[in-house]
Amino acid sequence: MPMNAGDIQRLIEEALPDAEVTIRDLAGDGDHYAAEVVSEAFRGKSRVAQHQMVYQALKGKMGGELHALALQTSVPQTDG
């Protein structure tokens, strides 16, 4: 059974409470998503470490209920 965008967003926000999460269904099939996650928790971490944090938030659903996730992570932009 595919995951819906709301479930993906909820799991990420539970693991990274400060995160701004945007989810897009890429194929309209509930199986291929793009996620943009912006969190202070990523500051100082490599891109690989940031992505691992998001995959951990998905609690093993990647590759099962969630077939494909195009992931973009970043830290919040500071003003000034």
N, C-alpha and C. Protein backbone atom coordinates (compact mmCIF):
# COMPACT_ATOMS: atom_id res chain seq x y z
N MET A 1 0.85 -1.18 0.00
CA MET A 1 0.00 0.00 0.00
C MET A 1 0.89 1.24 0.00
N PRO A 2 0.71 2.13 -0.96
CA PRO A 2 1.54 3.34 -1.03
C PRO A 2 1.31 4.27 0.15
N MET A 3 2.27 5.13 0.39
CA MET A 3 2.15 6.16 1.42
C MET A 3 1.55 7.41 0.79
N ASN A 4 0.85 8.20 1.60
CA ASN A 4 0.40 9.48 1.07
C ASN A 4 1.35 10.58 1.55
N ALA A 5 1.28 11.72 0.88
CA ALA A 5 2.19 12.83 1.16
C ALA A 5 2.08 13.29 2.61
N GLY A 6 0.88 13.28 3.16
CA GLY A 6 0.67 13.71 4.54
C GLY A 6 1.41 12.83 5.53
N ASP A 7 1.43 11.52 5.28
CA ASP A 7 2.15 10.60 6.16
C ASP A 7 3.65 10.84 6.11
N ILE A 8 4.16 11.08 4.91
CA ILE A 8 5.60 11.35 4.77
C ILE A 8 5.95 12.62 5.53
N GLN A 9 5.17 13.66 5.32
CA GLN A 9 5.42 14.94 6.00
C GLN A 9 5.35 14.78 7.51
N ARG A 10 4.35 14.06 8.00
CA ARG A 10 4.19 13.87 9.44
C ARG A 10 5.39 13.15 10.06
N LEU A 11 5.86 12.09 9.41
CA LEU A 11 7.01 11.34 9.93
C LEU A 11 8.26 12.23 10.00
N ILE A 12 8.49 13.02 8.96
CA ILE A 12 9.67 13.89 8.94
C ILE A 12 9.55 14.96 10.03
N GLU A 13 8.37 15.55 10.16
CA GLU A 13 8.18 16.60 11.16
C GLU A 13 8.25 16.07 12.59
N GLU A 14 7.86 14.81 12.80
CA GLU A 14 7.99 14.21 14.13
C GLU A 14 9.46 14.06 14.50
N ALA A 15 10.29 13.68 13.53
CA ALA A 15 11.72 13.47 13.79
C ALA A 15 12.49 14.79 13.82
N LEU A 16 12.05 15.75 13.03
CA LEU A 16 12.72 17.06 12.92
C LEU A 16 11.66 18.14 13.14
N PRO A 17 11.31 18.41 14.40
CA PRO A 17 10.18 19.30 14.70
C PRO A 17 10.28 20.71 14.12
N ASP A 18 11.50 21.21 13.90
CA ASP A 18 11.63 22.57 13.35
C ASP A 18 11.58 22.59 11.82
N ALA A 19 11.47 21.43 11.20
CA ALA A 19 11.60 21.33 9.75
C ALA A 19 10.44 21.98 9.00
N GLU A 20 10.80 22.62 7.89
CA GLU A 20 9.82 23.04 6.90
C GLU A 20 9.87 21.97 5.82
N VAL A 21 8.74 21.30 5.60
CA VAL A 21 8.70 20.15 4.71
C VAL A 21 7.71 20.42 3.58
N THR A 22 8.17 20.21 2.35
CA THR A 22 7.31 20.31 1.18
C THR A 22 7.38 18.98 0.44
N ILE A 23 6.23 18.37 0.21
CA ILE A 23 6.16 17.08 -0.47
C ILE A 23 5.39 17.25 -1.77
N ARG A 24 5.92 16.68 -2.85
CA ARG A 24 5.23 16.67 -4.14
C ARG A 24 5.13 15.24 -4.64
N ASP A 25 3.96 14.86 -5.13
CA ASP A 25 3.76 13.56 -5.76
C ASP A 25 4.19 13.69 -7.21
N LEU A 26 5.27 13.05 -7.58
CA LEU A 26 5.86 13.24 -8.91
C LEU A 26 5.10 12.56 -10.04
N ALA A 27 4.49 11.41 -9.74
CA ALA A 27 3.87 10.63 -10.81
C ALA A 27 2.35 10.49 -10.62
N GLY A 28 1.82 11.01 -9.53
CA GLY A 28 0.39 10.88 -9.28
C GLY A 28 -0.02 9.48 -8.87
N ASP A 29 0.97 8.65 -8.52
CA ASP A 29 0.68 7.25 -8.18
C ASP A 29 0.84 6.95 -6.69
N GLY A 30 1.17 7.97 -5.89
CA GLY A 30 1.37 7.75 -4.47
C GLY A 30 2.59 6.92 -4.16
N ASP A 31 3.49 6.83 -5.10
CA ASP A 31 4.65 5.96 -4.96
C ASP A 31 5.97 6.67 -5.24
N HIS A 32 5.92 7.81 -5.91
CA HIS A 32 7.12 8.55 -6.31
C HIS A 32 6.96 10.00 -5.86
N TYR A 33 7.75 10.39 -4.88
CA TYR A 33 7.63 11.72 -4.29
C TYR A 33 8.94 12.49 -4.37
N ALA A 34 8.81 13.80 -4.28
CA ALA A 34 9.95 14.68 -4.06
C ALA A 34 9.70 15.38 -2.74
N ALA A 35 10.73 15.49 -1.94
CA ALA A 35 10.62 16.17 -0.65
C ALA A 35 11.71 17.21 -0.53
N GLU A 36 11.32 18.39 -0.09
CA GLU A 36 12.27 19.43 0.26
C GLU A 36 12.15 19.64 1.76
N VAL A 37 13.28 19.48 2.47
CA VAL A 37 13.28 19.58 3.92
C VAL A 37 14.32 20.61 4.34
N VAL A 38 13.86 21.62 5.07
CA VAL A 38 14.74 22.67 5.57
C VAL A 38 14.71 22.58 7.09
N SER A 39 15.88 22.38 7.71
CA SER A 39 15.93 22.22 9.17
C SER A 39 17.26 22.72 9.72
N GLU A 40 17.19 23.37 10.85
CA GLU A 40 18.40 23.80 11.56
C GLU A 40 19.22 22.59 11.99
N ALA A 41 18.56 21.45 12.20
CA ALA A 41 19.26 20.23 12.62
C ALA A 41 20.30 19.78 11.60
N PHE A 42 20.19 20.25 10.35
CA PHE A 42 21.14 19.87 9.30
C PHE A 42 22.42 20.69 9.34
N ARG A 43 22.44 21.77 10.07
CA ARG A 43 23.59 22.68 10.05
C ARG A 43 24.85 21.92 10.48
N GLY A 44 25.90 22.06 9.67
CA GLY A 44 27.19 21.44 9.96
C GLY A 44 27.28 19.98 9.54
N LYS A 45 26.22 19.44 9.00
CA LYS A 45 26.22 18.04 8.58
C LYS A 45 26.38 17.96 7.06
N SER A 46 27.01 16.89 6.62
CA SER A 46 27.16 16.67 5.18
C SER A 46 25.80 16.40 4.55
N ARG A 47 25.72 16.54 3.24
CA ARG A 47 24.47 16.25 2.53
C ARG A 47 24.05 14.80 2.78
N VAL A 48 25.01 13.89 2.78
CA VAL A 48 24.71 12.47 3.02
C VAL A 48 24.11 12.30 4.42
N ALA A 49 24.70 12.94 5.42
CA ALA A 49 24.18 12.84 6.78
C ALA A 49 22.78 13.43 6.89
N GLN A 50 22.54 14.52 6.18
CA GLN A 50 21.21 15.14 6.18
C GLN A 50 20.17 14.17 5.60
N HIS A 51 20.51 13.56 4.50
CA HIS A 51 19.59 12.61 3.86
C HIS A 51 19.36 11.41 4.76
N GLN A 52 20.41 10.93 5.43
CA GLN A 52 20.25 9.81 6.34
C GLN A 52 19.29 10.15 7.47
N MET A 53 19.33 11.38 7.95
CA MET A 53 18.41 11.81 9.00
C MET A 53 16.96 11.73 8.52
N VAL A 54 16.72 12.12 7.29
CA VAL A 54 15.37 12.06 6.74
C VAL A 54 14.95 10.60 6.55
N TYR A 55 15.83 9.76 6.01
CA TYR A 55 15.49 8.35 5.81
C TYR A 55 15.19 7.68 7.15
N GLN A 56 15.95 8.02 8.19
CA GLN A 56 15.68 7.47 9.52
C GLN A 56 14.30 7.90 10.01
N ALA A 57 13.92 9.12 9.70
CA ALA A 57 12.60 9.62 10.10
C ALA A 57 11.48 8.81 9.45
N LEU A 58 11.75 8.24 8.28
CA LEU A 58 10.73 7.47 7.56
C LEU A 58 10.59 6.05 8.10
N LYS A 59 11.37 5.71 9.10
CA LYS A 59 11.21 4.47 9.87
C LYS A 59 11.14 3.21 9.01
N GLY A 60 12.05 3.09 8.06
CA GLY A 60 12.15 1.87 7.28
C GLY A 60 11.13 1.73 6.16
N LYS A 61 10.34 2.76 5.92
CA LYS A 61 9.32 2.67 4.87
C LYS A 61 9.89 2.90 3.47
N MET A 62 11.11 3.48 3.40
CA MET A 62 11.75 3.72 2.11
C MET A 62 12.05 2.38 1.46
N GLY A 63 11.66 2.23 0.20
CA GLY A 63 11.88 0.98 -0.52
C GLY A 63 10.75 -0.02 -0.34
N GLY A 64 9.87 0.23 0.62
CA GLY A 64 8.71 -0.63 0.81
C GLY A 64 7.46 0.13 0.42
N GLU A 65 6.80 0.71 1.43
CA GLU A 65 5.59 1.51 1.16
C GLU A 65 5.92 2.74 0.30
N LEU A 66 7.12 3.25 0.49
CA LEU A 66 7.56 4.43 -0.27
C LEU A 66 8.62 3.98 -1.26
N HIS A 67 8.26 3.95 -2.53
CA HIS A 67 9.14 3.39 -3.55
C HIS A 67 10.29 4.33 -3.90
N ALA A 68 10.00 5.62 -4.12
CA ALA A 68 11.03 6.54 -4.57
C ALA A 68 10.82 7.92 -3.94
N LEU A 69 11.91 8.50 -3.46
CA LEU A 69 11.86 9.82 -2.85
C LEU A 69 13.05 10.63 -3.34
N ALA A 70 12.78 11.66 -4.14
CA ALA A 70 13.81 12.60 -4.56
C ALA A 70 13.93 13.61 -3.41
N LEU A 71 15.09 13.69 -2.82
CA LEU A 71 15.25 14.43 -1.58
C LEU A 71 16.19 15.62 -1.75
N GLN A 72 15.73 16.77 -1.28
CA GLN A 72 16.56 17.98 -1.25
C GLN A 72 16.52 18.50 0.18
N THR A 73 17.70 18.66 0.78
CA THR A 73 17.78 19.13 2.16
C THR A 73 18.64 20.39 2.21
N SER A 74 18.33 21.25 3.21
CA SER A 74 19.13 22.46 3.41
C SER A 74 18.87 23.00 4.82
N VAL A 75 19.73 23.96 5.20
CA VAL A 75 19.52 24.66 6.47
C VAL A 75 18.78 25.96 6.16
N PRO A 76 18.08 26.51 7.15
CA PRO A 76 17.37 27.77 6.90
C PRO A 76 18.32 28.88 6.51
N GLN A 77 17.87 29.74 5.62
CA GLN A 77 18.66 30.90 5.22
C GLN A 77 18.58 31.93 6.33
N THR A 78 19.71 32.55 6.63
CA THR A 78 19.71 33.61 7.65
C THR A 78 19.58 34.96 6.96
N ASP A 79 18.87 35.85 7.59
CA ASP A 79 18.71 37.21 7.06
C ASP A 79 19.97 38.01 7.39
N GLY A 80 20.44 38.76 6.44
CA GLY A 80 21.57 39.64 6.71
C GLY A 80 22.74 39.27 5.94
